[in-house]
Amino acid sequence: MSPTMPTSNTLSARLLDLTSPLQLLLYSLLYLPITILSHPTLLLTNPHKFQSLWFGALWKFLGPQMALSPEQTPYIAGLFTRAQGTVLELGPGNGDQMRHLVNAVREGRVERVVGAEPNAALHERLLGNARGVGLNPGQGKYVVLEAGAEPGSLIPALHRVGMYPSSSSSAGAGAAEGIFDTIICIKSMCSAPQHQMPEIVSTIHALLKPGGEFLFFEHVANDNDLLTRVWAWLLGWIWPIAMGNCHLNGRVDKAVKESGLFESCDVRNTKEFMGWNVFRYVVGVCRK
C-alpha cells in the first residue's frame, strides 16, 4: 500500500464525519412536526418566530448533550477559566456551558455576566442555569438580552438595559474605554450573519476594556479539503433552516486575523482536526 493512501480506519472515520451532520438534521426534523402541532398556524403567520420555537425545542434537548463532548470540554473549560470581571457571552443558548464559571463566580473573579441570546425560547432555562452557578438575575448578576452578535441587534439591546450610552446601531465613541473585561462565544458565531463578521469583530473589540480578552471556540469553514467543501455547500441549502441559522462556512477566525485590531491574537485549530472534517473547530484568545 502506498504511504499516501488512506487506511481503512481513516476511511471509516472520514465517512462517519461526513454523515454526522445528517444525524443532527434528523434530530431537527423530528422536532418539526412537534412544533407544528404545538403551534399549527404560526408557520404561516410568523415563520421567523416558528423557526425560533422549532430550534428552541431542539436545543433544549440537544444542547446539554453537546455541551458534554469529551473532546471539546477541555478547550471550552480552559477559555472560561480566563473569564474575569464583567463578561459578555454571545449566544449562550440554554446556558449549558455556564457550569465552567462556578469557581470564578465563587472566588469573585467574575462579577457579572450579560448573555446575548437572540432566541427568547431559551431564556427561561438560561436564567435557571445562571442561578445555579450563583449569578442571580434578581441581583443584577446575570442580565439576558434578546439580541444577536451583530451590532444592529447587540448595541441597541445594551442601550436598553443602560449598559451603553447610545442607541446607535454601531459601537462608537460613546464607549471608547469599553464596558466588558471578557467577551466569550462558544459555538454561536456560526449563527451570526457571516457577511457582517468584520463589523461584528470590530464591535467586539470596541466593547472590550483595554487589556480585555475575546475568547471563542467555534466551528468554521474547512478550506483544506475539496470533498468536504462540496459536501458543506450541499448541506448549506437546508442546514441554516433546520439548525437555527447555523452556517457551516463560518468565518470568525478569518475576520479576527484580518481585522488587525487586537494587540495579540492566538487562533488555532483543535488538535482533533484531521484536515477533512466538516466541523473545523478553532480556539481563539485575543487581547485588546
C-alpha atoms as a PDB file:
ATOM      1  CA  MET A   1       0.000   0.000   0.000  1.00  0.00           C
ATOM      2  CA  SER A   2       1.269   3.445  -0.877  1.00  0.00           C
ATOM      3  CA  PRO A   3       2.096   5.542   2.217  1.00  0.00           C
ATOM      4  CA  THR A   4      -0.137   8.293   0.836  1.00  0.00           C
ATOM      5  CA  MET A   5      -3.222   6.079   0.583  1.00  0.00           C
ATOM      6  CA  PRO A   6      -5.702   6.397   3.450  1.00  0.00           C
ATOM      7  CA  THR A   7      -6.075   3.384   5.731  1.00  0.00           C
ATOM      8  CA  SER A   8      -9.415   1.688   6.286  1.00  0.00           C
ATOM      9  CA  ASN A   9      -9.561   3.303   9.740  1.00  0.00           C
ATOM     10  CA  THR A  10      -9.119   6.732   8.181  1.00  0.00           C
ATOM     11  CA  LEU A  11     -11.784   5.999   5.573  1.00  0.00           C
ATOM     12  CA  SER A  12     -14.207   4.857   8.274  1.00  0.00           C
ATOM     13  CA  ALA A  13     -13.508   7.969  10.343  1.00  0.00           C
ATOM     14  CA  ARG A  14     -13.999  10.182   7.325  1.00  0.00           C
ATOM     15  CA  LEU A  15     -17.279   8.521   6.374  1.00  0.00           C
ATOM     16  CA  LEU A  16     -18.517   8.892   9.941  1.00  0.00           C
ATOM     17  CA  ASP A  17     -17.555  12.562   9.919  1.00  0.00           C
ATOM     18  CA  LEU A  18     -19.333  13.238   6.625  1.00  0.00           C
ATOM     19  CA  THR A  19     -22.536  11.629   7.884  1.00  0.00           C
ATOM     20  CA  SER A  20     -22.515  13.217  11.364  1.00  0.00           C
ATOM     21  CA  PRO A  21     -24.360  16.371  10.176  1.00  0.00           C
ATOM     22  CA  LEU A  22     -27.154  14.126   8.862  1.00  0.00           C
ATOM     23  CA  GLN A  23     -27.765  12.822  12.372  1.00  0.00           C
ATOM     24  CA  LEU A  24     -28.173  16.373  13.664  1.00  0.00           C
ATOM     25  CA  LEU A  25     -30.521  17.179  10.796  1.00  0.00           C
ATOM     26  CA  LEU A  26     -32.596  14.116  11.663  1.00  0.00           C
ATOM     27  CA  TYR A  27     -32.974  15.310  15.244  1.00  0.00           C
ATOM     28  CA  SER A  28     -34.080  18.704  13.974  1.00  0.00           C
ATOM     29  CA  LEU A  29     -36.603  17.229  11.540  1.00  0.00           C
ATOM     30  CA  LEU A  30     -38.093  15.133  14.353  1.00  0.00           C
ATOM     31  CA  TYR A  31     -38.893  18.336  16.223  1.00  0.00           C
ATOM     32  CA  LEU A  32     -40.524  19.955  13.174  1.00  0.00           C
ATOM     33  CA  PRO A  33     -43.908  18.124  13.432  1.00  0.00           C
ATOM     34  CA  ILE A  34     -43.859  18.577  17.214  1.00  0.00           C
ATOM     35  CA  THR A  35     -43.541  22.339  16.758  1.00  0.00           C
ATOM     36  CA  ILE A  36     -46.222  22.372  14.057  1.00  0.00           C
ATOM     37  CA  LEU A  37     -48.651  20.503  16.326  1.00  0.00           C
ATOM     38  CA  SER A  38     -47.896  22.891  19.197  1.00  0.00           C
ATOM     39  CA  HIS A  39     -48.291  25.995  17.009  1.00  0.00           C
ATOM     40  CA  PRO A  40     -50.398  24.932  13.991  1.00  0.00           C
ATOM     41  CA  THR A  41     -50.772  28.366  12.360  1.00  0.00           C
ATOM     42  CA  LEU A  42     -47.505  30.022  13.318  1.00  0.00           C
ATOM     43  CA  LEU A  43     -45.531  28.679  10.354  1.00  0.00           C
ATOM     44  CA  LEU A  44     -47.788  30.697   8.052  1.00  0.00           C
ATOM     45  CA  THR A  45     -48.362  33.761  10.217  1.00  0.00           C
ATOM     46  CA  ASN A  46     -44.865  34.259  11.653  1.00  0.00           C
ATOM     47  CA  PRO A  47     -42.215  31.989  10.064  1.00  0.00           C
ATOM     48  CA  HIS A  48     -39.352  33.660  11.967  1.00  0.00           C
ATOM     49  CA  LYS A  49     -40.936  33.020  15.350  1.00  0.00           C
ATOM     50  CA  PHE A  50     -41.827  29.479  14.281  1.00  0.00           C
ATOM     51  CA  GLN A  51     -38.200  28.771  13.393  1.00  0.00           C
ATOM     52  CA  SER A  52     -37.091  30.135  16.784  1.00  0.00           C
ATOM     53  CA  LEU A  53     -39.527  27.870  18.627  1.00  0.00           C
ATOM     54  CA  TRP A  54     -38.528  24.908  16.452  1.00  0.00           C
ATOM     55  CA  PHE A  55     -34.834  25.379  17.161  1.00  0.00           C
ATOM     56  CA  GLY A  56     -35.541  26.223  20.805  1.00  0.00           C
ATOM     57  CA  ALA A  57     -37.299  22.888  21.305  1.00  0.00           C
ATOM     58  CA  LEU A  58     -34.437  21.063  19.557  1.00  0.00           C
ATOM     59  CA  TRP A  59     -31.718  22.835  21.523  1.00  0.00           C
ATOM     60  CA  LYS A  60     -33.307  22.173  24.915  1.00  0.00           C
ATOM     61  CA  PHE A  61     -32.776  18.503  24.088  1.00  0.00           C
ATOM     62  CA  LEU A  62     -29.541  18.640  22.100  1.00  0.00           C
ATOM     63  CA  GLY A  63     -27.655  21.494  23.772  1.00  0.00           C
ATOM     64  CA  PRO A  64     -26.963  19.813  27.127  1.00  0.00           C
ATOM     65  CA  GLN A  65     -25.702  16.677  25.373  1.00  0.00           C
ATOM     66  CA  MET A  66     -23.380  18.548  23.019  1.00  0.00           C
ATOM     67  CA  ALA A  67     -22.028  20.599  25.921  1.00  0.00           C
ATOM     68  CA  LEU A  68     -20.667  17.383  27.463  1.00  0.00           C
ATOM     69  CA  SER A  69     -18.451  16.446  24.492  1.00  0.00           C
ATOM     70  CA  PRO A  70     -15.267  14.946  25.984  1.00  0.00           C
ATOM     71  CA  GLU A  71     -13.188  16.225  23.053  1.00  0.00           C
ATOM     72  CA  GLN A  72     -14.417  19.812  23.297  1.00  0.00           C
ATOM     73  CA  THR A  73     -14.826  20.289  27.051  1.00  0.00           C
ATOM     74  CA  PRO A  74     -11.113  20.843  27.874  1.00  0.00           C
ATOM     75  CA  TYR A  75     -10.870  23.658  25.317  1.00  0.00           C
ATOM     76  CA  ILE A  76     -14.100  25.315  26.426  1.00  0.00           C
ATOM     77  CA  ALA A  77     -13.345  24.980  30.142  1.00  0.00           C
ATOM     78  CA  GLY A  78      -9.914  26.476  29.517  1.00  0.00           C
ATOM     79  CA  LEU A  79     -11.468  29.550  27.939  1.00  0.00           C
ATOM     80  CA  PHE A  80     -13.968  30.042  30.752  1.00  0.00           C
ATOM     81  CA  THR A  81     -11.197  29.890  33.348  1.00  0.00           C
ATOM     82  CA  ARG A  82      -9.770  33.054  31.729  1.00  0.00           C
ATOM     83  CA  ALA A  83     -13.037  34.967  32.162  1.00  0.00           C
ATOM     84  CA  GLN A  84     -12.995  37.788  34.685  1.00  0.00           C
ATOM     85  CA  GLY A  85     -14.798  40.955  35.735  1.00  0.00           C
ATOM     86  CA  THR A  86     -17.824  41.868  33.655  1.00  0.00           C
ATOM     87  CA  VAL A  87     -18.421  39.222  30.999  1.00  0.00           C
ATOM     88  CA  LEU A  88     -20.444  39.250  27.785  1.00  0.00           C
ATOM     89  CA  GLU A  89     -21.356  35.825  26.408  1.00  0.00           C
ATOM     90  CA  LEU A  90     -22.603  35.850  22.830  1.00  0.00           C
ATOM     91  CA  GLY A  91     -25.164  33.141  22.079  1.00  0.00           C
ATOM     92  CA  PRO A  92     -25.231  31.251  25.411  1.00  0.00           C
ATOM     93  CA  GLY A  93     -28.267  29.207  24.331  1.00  0.00           C
ATOM     94  CA  ASN A  94     -29.568  27.289  27.351  1.00  0.00           C
ATOM     95  CA  GLY A  95     -26.532  28.296  29.399  1.00  0.00           C
ATOM     96  CA  ASP A  96     -25.196  24.744  29.200  1.00  0.00           C
ATOM     97  CA  GLN A  97     -21.574  25.910  29.355  1.00  0.00           C
ATOM     98  CA  MET A  98     -22.159  28.098  32.399  1.00  0.00           C
ATOM     99  CA  ARG A  99     -21.044  25.345  34.741  1.00  0.00           C
ATOM    100  CA  HIS A 100     -17.470  26.286  33.850  1.00  0.00           C
ATOM    101  CA  LEU A 101     -17.965  29.619  35.662  1.00  0.00           C
ATOM    102  CA  VAL A 102     -18.780  28.153  39.085  1.00  0.00           C
ATOM    103  CA  ASN A 103     -15.321  28.613  40.583  1.00  0.00           C
ATOM    104  CA  ALA A 104     -14.789  32.035  39.020  1.00  0.00           C
ATOM    105  CA  VAL A 105     -18.078  33.264  40.484  1.00  0.00           C
ATOM    106  CA  ARG A 106     -17.398  31.783  43.928  1.00  0.00           C
ATOM    107  CA  GLU A 107     -13.928  33.314  44.021  1.00  0.00           C
ATOM    108  CA  GLY A 108     -15.216  36.712  42.852  1.00  0.00           C
ATOM    109  CA  ARG A 109     -13.177  36.755  39.637  1.00  0.00           C
ATOM    110  CA  VAL A 110     -16.386  37.055  37.605  1.00  0.00           C
ATOM    111  CA  GLU A 111     -18.708  39.729  38.969  1.00  0.00           C
ATOM    112  CA  ARG A 112     -21.448  39.974  36.357  1.00  0.00           C
ATOM    113  CA  VAL A 113     -22.430  38.209  33.142  1.00  0.00           C
ATOM    114  CA  VAL A 114     -24.515  39.513  30.255  1.00  0.00           C
ATOM    115  CA  GLY A 115     -25.923  36.828  27.958  1.00  0.00           C
ATOM    116  CA  ALA A 116     -26.890  37.988  24.470  1.00  0.00           C
ATOM    117  CA  GLU A 117     -29.223  35.225  23.285  1.00  0.00           C
ATOM    118  CA  PRO A 118     -31.471  36.052  20.309  1.00  0.00           C
ATOM    119  CA  ASN A 119     -33.783  33.043  20.813  1.00  0.00           C
ATOM    120  CA  ALA A 120     -36.245  34.020  23.546  1.00  0.00           C
ATOM    121  CA  ALA A 121     -37.488  30.419  23.742  1.00  0.00           C
ATOM    122  CA  LEU A 122     -34.218  29.570  25.535  1.00  0.00           C
ATOM    123  CA  HIS A 123     -34.237  32.407  28.060  1.00  0.00           C
ATOM    124  CA  GLU A 124     -36.083  30.639  30.876  1.00  0.00           C
ATOM    125  CA  ARG A 125     -33.611  27.757  31.007  1.00  0.00           C
ATOM    126  CA  LEU A 126     -30.707  30.183  30.541  1.00  0.00           C
ATOM    127  CA  LEU A 127     -31.750  32.188  33.598  1.00  0.00           C
ATOM    128  CA  GLY A 128     -32.208  28.982  35.584  1.00  0.00           C
ATOM    129  CA  ASN A 129     -28.658  27.865  34.788  1.00  0.00           C
ATOM    130  CA  ALA A 130     -27.368  31.311  35.766  1.00  0.00           C
ATOM    131  CA  ARG A 131     -28.976  30.982  39.198  1.00  0.00           C
ATOM    132  CA  GLY A 132     -27.437  27.540  39.505  1.00  0.00           C
ATOM    133  CA  VAL A 133     -23.883  28.926  39.353  1.00  0.00           C
ATOM    134  CA  GLY A 134     -24.582  31.828  41.715  1.00  0.00           C
ATOM    135  CA  LEU A 135     -25.352  34.524  39.139  1.00  0.00           C
ATOM    136  CA  ASN A 136     -28.700  35.709  40.488  1.00  0.00           C
ATOM    137  CA  PRO A 137     -30.594  37.723  37.840  1.00  0.00           C
ATOM    138  CA  GLY A 138     -32.637  39.371  40.603  1.00  0.00           C
ATOM    139  CA  GLN A 139     -29.451  40.878  41.999  1.00  0.00           C
ATOM    140  CA  GLY A 140     -28.242  42.041  38.590  1.00  0.00           C
ATOM    141  CA  LYS A 141     -25.527  39.383  38.480  1.00  0.00           C
ATOM    142  CA  TYR A 142     -26.909  37.977  35.243  1.00  0.00           C
ATOM    143  CA  VAL A 143     -28.601  40.000  32.523  1.00  0.00           C
ATOM    144  CA  VAL A 144     -30.160  38.368  29.496  1.00  0.00           C
ATOM    145  CA  LEU A 145     -30.566  40.274  26.229  1.00  0.00           C
ATOM    146  CA  GLU A 146     -32.760  39.218  23.333  1.00  0.00           C
ATOM    147  CA  ALA A 147     -30.023  40.064  20.866  1.00  0.00           C
ATOM    148  CA  GLY A 148     -27.549  38.546  18.475  1.00  0.00           C
ATOM    149  CA  ALA A 149     -23.874  39.369  17.928  1.00  0.00           C
ATOM    150  CA  GLU A 150     -24.491  41.727  15.017  1.00  0.00           C
ATOM    151  CA  PRO A 151     -24.145  45.406  16.042  1.00  0.00           C
ATOM    152  CA  GLY A 152     -27.630  46.361  14.860  1.00  0.00           C
ATOM    153  CA  SER A 153     -29.040  43.909  17.393  1.00  0.00           C
ATOM    154  CA  LEU A 154     -26.464  43.948  20.219  1.00  0.00           C
ATOM    155  CA  ILE A 155     -25.802  47.673  20.678  1.00  0.00           C
ATOM    156  CA  PRO A 156     -29.466  48.770  20.981  1.00  0.00           C
ATOM    157  CA  ALA A 157     -30.061  45.886  23.427  1.00  0.00           C
ATOM    158  CA  LEU A 158     -27.151  47.033  25.607  1.00  0.00           C
ATOM    159  CA  HIS A 159     -28.549  50.555  25.478  1.00  0.00           C
ATOM    160  CA  ARG A 160     -31.977  49.375  26.628  1.00  0.00           C
ATOM    161  CA  VAL A 161     -30.502  47.908  29.835  1.00  0.00           C
ATOM    162  CA  GLY A 162     -28.406  51.004  30.478  1.00  0.00           C
ATOM    163  CA  MET A 163     -25.014  49.488  29.660  1.00  0.00           C
ATOM    164  CA  TYR A 164     -24.294  51.509  26.532  1.00  0.00           C
ATOM    165  CA  PRO A 165     -24.643  55.289  26.244  1.00  0.00           C
ATOM    166  CA  SER A 166     -26.078  55.412  22.733  1.00  0.00           C
ATOM    167  CA  SER A 167     -28.863  53.585  20.911  1.00  0.00           C
ATOM    168  CA  SER A 168     -26.880  53.803  17.675  1.00  0.00           C
ATOM    169  CA  SER A 169     -26.557  50.508  15.829  1.00  0.00           C
ATOM    170  CA  SER A 170     -22.756  50.710  15.883  1.00  0.00           C
ATOM    171  CA  ALA A 171     -20.180  50.842  18.641  1.00  0.00           C
ATOM    172  CA  GLY A 172     -18.945  54.423  18.502  1.00  0.00           C
ATOM    173  CA  ALA A 173     -17.013  56.798  20.672  1.00  0.00           C
ATOM    174  CA  GLY A 174     -19.642  56.662  23.419  1.00  0.00           C
ATOM    175  CA  ALA A 175     -17.892  53.680  24.984  1.00  0.00           C
ATOM    176  CA  ALA A 176     -14.298  54.392  23.989  1.00  0.00           C
ATOM    177  CA  GLU A 177     -12.904  52.650  27.077  1.00  0.00           C
ATOM    178  CA  GLY A 178     -15.084  49.575  26.621  1.00  0.00           C
ATOM    179  CA  ILE A 179     -17.519  48.023  29.070  1.00  0.00           C
ATOM    180  CA  PHE A 180     -16.533  44.330  29.238  1.00  0.00           C
ATOM    181  CA  ASP A 181     -13.442  42.647  30.651  1.00  0.00           C
ATOM    182  CA  THR A 182     -14.195  39.433  28.760  1.00  0.00           C
ATOM    183  CA  ILE A 183     -16.288  38.601  25.712  1.00  0.00           C
ATOM    184  CA  ILE A 184     -16.766  34.910  25.056  1.00  0.00           C
ATOM    185  CA  CYS A 185     -18.644  32.853  22.492  1.00  0.00           C
ATOM    186  CA  ILE A 186     -18.913  29.094  22.290  1.00  0.00           C
ATOM    187  CA  LYS A 187     -20.244  27.559  19.060  1.00  0.00           C
ATOM    188  CA  SER A 188     -22.551  30.510  18.435  1.00  0.00           C
ATOM    189  CA  MET A 189     -20.856  32.802  15.905  1.00  0.00           C
ATOM    190  CA  CYS A 190     -21.859  30.349  13.163  1.00  0.00           C
ATOM    191  CA  SER A 191     -25.411  31.693  13.548  1.00  0.00           C
ATOM    192  CA  ALA A 192     -24.419  35.327  13.051  1.00  0.00           C
ATOM    193  CA  PRO A 193     -24.713  36.837   9.543  1.00  0.00           C
ATOM    194  CA  GLN A 194     -21.355  35.854   8.077  1.00  0.00           C
ATOM    195  CA  HIS A 195     -21.200  38.846   5.736  1.00  0.00           C
ATOM    196  CA  GLN A 196     -21.278  41.061   8.843  1.00  0.00           C
ATOM    197  CA  MET A 197     -18.408  39.261  10.563  1.00  0.00           C
ATOM    198  CA  PRO A 198     -15.817  42.035  10.082  1.00  0.00           C
ATOM    199  CA  GLU A 199     -18.253  44.525  11.620  1.00  0.00           C
ATOM    200  CA  ILE A 200     -19.071  42.090  14.445  1.00  0.00           C
ATOM    201  CA  VAL A 201     -15.381  41.626  15.281  1.00  0.00           C
ATOM    202  CA  SER A 202     -14.868  45.398  15.217  1.00  0.00           C
ATOM    203  CA  THR A 203     -17.780  45.842  17.642  1.00  0.00           C
ATOM    204  CA  ILE A 204     -16.422  43.152  19.966  1.00  0.00           C
ATOM    205  CA  HIS A 205     -13.095  44.964  20.038  1.00  0.00           C
ATOM    206  CA  ALA A 206     -14.804  48.292  20.776  1.00  0.00           C
ATOM    207  CA  LEU A 207     -16.830  46.799  23.657  1.00  0.00           C
ATOM    208  CA  LEU A 208     -13.754  45.350  25.364  1.00  0.00           C
ATOM    209  CA  LYS A 209     -11.894  47.312  28.005  1.00  0.00           C
ATOM    210  CA  PRO A 210      -8.151  47.838  27.409  1.00  0.00           C
ATOM    211  CA  GLY A 211      -6.470  44.533  28.231  1.00  0.00           C
ATOM    212  CA  GLY A 212      -9.765  42.675  27.903  1.00  0.00           C
ATOM    213  CA  GLU A 213      -9.989  39.356  26.075  1.00  0.00           C
ATOM    214  CA  PHE A 214     -12.139  37.965  23.304  1.00  0.00           C
ATOM    215  CA  LEU A 215     -12.351  34.188  23.791  1.00  0.00           C
ATOM    216  CA  PHE A 216     -14.002  31.807  21.348  1.00  0.00           C
ATOM    217  CA  PHE A 217     -14.441  28.155  20.451  1.00  0.00           C
ATOM    218  CA  GLU A 218     -16.167  27.922  17.075  1.00  0.00           C
ATOM    219  CA  HIS A 219     -16.619  25.715  14.046  1.00  0.00           C
ATOM    220  CA  VAL A 220     -15.544  27.461  10.860  1.00  0.00           C
ATOM    221  CA  ALA A 221     -15.236  26.766   7.154  1.00  0.00           C
ATOM    222  CA  ASN A 222     -12.984  23.896   6.106  1.00  0.00           C
ATOM    223  CA  ASP A 223     -10.854  25.225   3.251  1.00  0.00           C
ATOM    224  CA  ASN A 224      -8.455  22.272   3.296  1.00  0.00           C
ATOM    225  CA  ASP A 225     -10.422  19.578   1.503  1.00  0.00           C
ATOM    226  CA  LEU A 226     -12.437  19.851  -1.724  1.00  0.00           C
ATOM    227  CA  LEU A 227     -14.832  16.967  -0.962  1.00  0.00           C
ATOM    228  CA  THR A 228     -15.664  18.443   2.423  1.00  0.00           C
ATOM    229  CA  ARG A 229     -16.214  21.883   0.917  1.00  0.00           C
ATOM    230  CA  VAL A 230     -18.622  20.469  -1.688  1.00  0.00           C
ATOM    231  CA  TRP A 231     -20.486  18.468   0.971  1.00  0.00           C
ATOM    232  CA  ALA A 232     -20.758  21.531   3.225  1.00  0.00           C
ATOM    233  CA  TRP A 233     -22.064  23.557   0.292  1.00  0.00           C
ATOM    234  CA  LEU A 234     -24.762  20.953  -0.422  1.00  0.00           C
ATOM    235  CA  LEU A 235     -25.773  20.789   3.242  1.00  0.00           C
ATOM    236  CA  GLY A 236     -25.880  24.572   3.285  1.00  0.00           C
ATOM    237  CA  TRP A 237     -29.153  24.572   1.331  1.00  0.00           C
ATOM    238  CA  ILE A 238     -31.055  23.197   4.332  1.00  0.00           C
ATOM    239  CA  TRP A 239     -28.662  23.407   7.303  1.00  0.00           C
ATOM    240  CA  PRO A 240     -29.357  27.042   8.362  1.00  0.00           C
ATOM    241  CA  ILE A 241     -33.128  26.490   8.190  1.00  0.00           C
ATOM    242  CA  ALA A 242     -33.069  23.344  10.306  1.00  0.00           C
ATOM    243  CA  MET A 243     -30.287  24.349  12.713  1.00  0.00           C
ATOM    244  CA  GLY A 244     -31.191  27.812  13.981  1.00  0.00           C
ATOM    245  CA  ASN A 245     -29.450  29.779  11.219  1.00  0.00           C
ATOM    246  CA  CYS A 246     -26.156  27.959  11.822  1.00  0.00           C
ATOM    247  CA  HIS A 247     -23.746  28.082   8.872  1.00  0.00           C
ATOM    248  CA  LEU A 248     -21.048  25.556   8.031  1.00  0.00           C
ATOM    249  CA  ASN A 249     -18.890  28.229   6.374  1.00  0.00           C
ATOM    250  CA  GLY A 250     -18.207  30.316   9.491  1.00  0.00           C
ATOM    251  CA  ARG A 251     -15.525  32.972   9.132  1.00  0.00           C
ATOM    252  CA  VAL A 252     -14.877  34.362  12.609  1.00  0.00           C
ATOM    253  CA  ASP A 253     -11.277  33.119  12.547  1.00  0.00           C
ATOM    254  CA  LYS A 254     -10.585  34.840   9.249  1.00  0.00           C
ATOM    255  CA  ALA A 255     -12.322  38.054  10.323  1.00  0.00           C
ATOM    256  CA  VAL A 256     -10.324  38.213  13.557  1.00  0.00           C
ATOM    257  CA  LYS A 257      -6.999  37.636  11.816  1.00  0.00           C
ATOM    258  CA  GLU A 258      -7.725  40.149   9.054  1.00  0.00           C
ATOM    259  CA  SER A 259      -9.011  42.854  11.416  1.00  0.00           C
ATOM    260  CA  GLY A 260      -5.575  43.680  12.836  1.00  0.00           C
ATOM    261  CA  LEU A 261      -7.358  45.233  15.819  1.00  0.00           C
ATOM    262  CA  PHE A 262      -6.085  43.130  18.695  1.00  0.00           C
ATOM    263  CA  GLU A 263      -2.768  43.642  20.437  1.00  0.00           C
ATOM    264  CA  SER A 264      -2.269  39.882  20.445  1.00  0.00           C
ATOM    265  CA  CYS A 265      -4.298  37.056  18.975  1.00  0.00           C
ATOM    266  CA  ASP A 266      -3.793  33.295  19.068  1.00  0.00           C
ATOM    267  CA  VAL A 267      -6.217  31.376  16.833  1.00  0.00           C
ATOM    268  CA  ARG A 268      -5.560  27.724  16.099  1.00  0.00           C
ATOM    269  CA  ASN A 269      -7.279  24.512  15.018  1.00  0.00           C
ATOM    270  CA  THR A 270      -8.050  21.999  17.724  1.00  0.00           C
ATOM    271  CA  LYS A 271      -5.691  19.035  17.751  1.00  0.00           C
ATOM    272  CA  GLU A 272      -8.555  16.728  16.672  1.00  0.00           C
ATOM    273  CA  PHE A 273      -8.780  18.391  13.233  1.00  0.00           C
ATOM    274  CA  MET A 274      -7.652  15.917  10.572  1.00  0.00           C
ATOM    275  CA  GLY A 275      -7.854  18.188   7.543  1.00  0.00           C
ATOM    276  CA  TRP A 276     -11.109  16.787   6.159  1.00  0.00           C
ATOM    277  CA  ASN A 277     -13.588  17.313   8.997  1.00  0.00           C
ATOM    278  CA  VAL A 278     -16.896  19.025   8.210  1.00  0.00           C
ATOM    279  CA  PHE A 279     -16.686  20.818  11.550  1.00  0.00           C
ATOM    280  CA  ARG A 280     -13.286  22.507  11.768  1.00  0.00           C
ATOM    281  CA  TYR A 281     -13.086  23.802  15.322  1.00  0.00           C
ATOM    282  CA  VAL A 282     -10.825  26.673  16.271  1.00  0.00           C
ATOM    283  CA  VAL A 283      -9.858  28.117  19.640  1.00  0.00           C
ATOM    284  CA  GLY A 284      -9.163  31.835  19.882  1.00  0.00           C
ATOM    285  CA  VAL A 285      -7.661  34.039  22.604  1.00  0.00           C
ATOM    286  CA  CYS A 286      -7.374  37.682  21.555  1.00  0.00           C
ATOM    287  CA  ARG A 287      -6.329  40.548  23.839  1.00  0.00           C
ATOM    288  CA  LYS A 288      -7.185  44.195  23.254  1.00  0.00           C
END
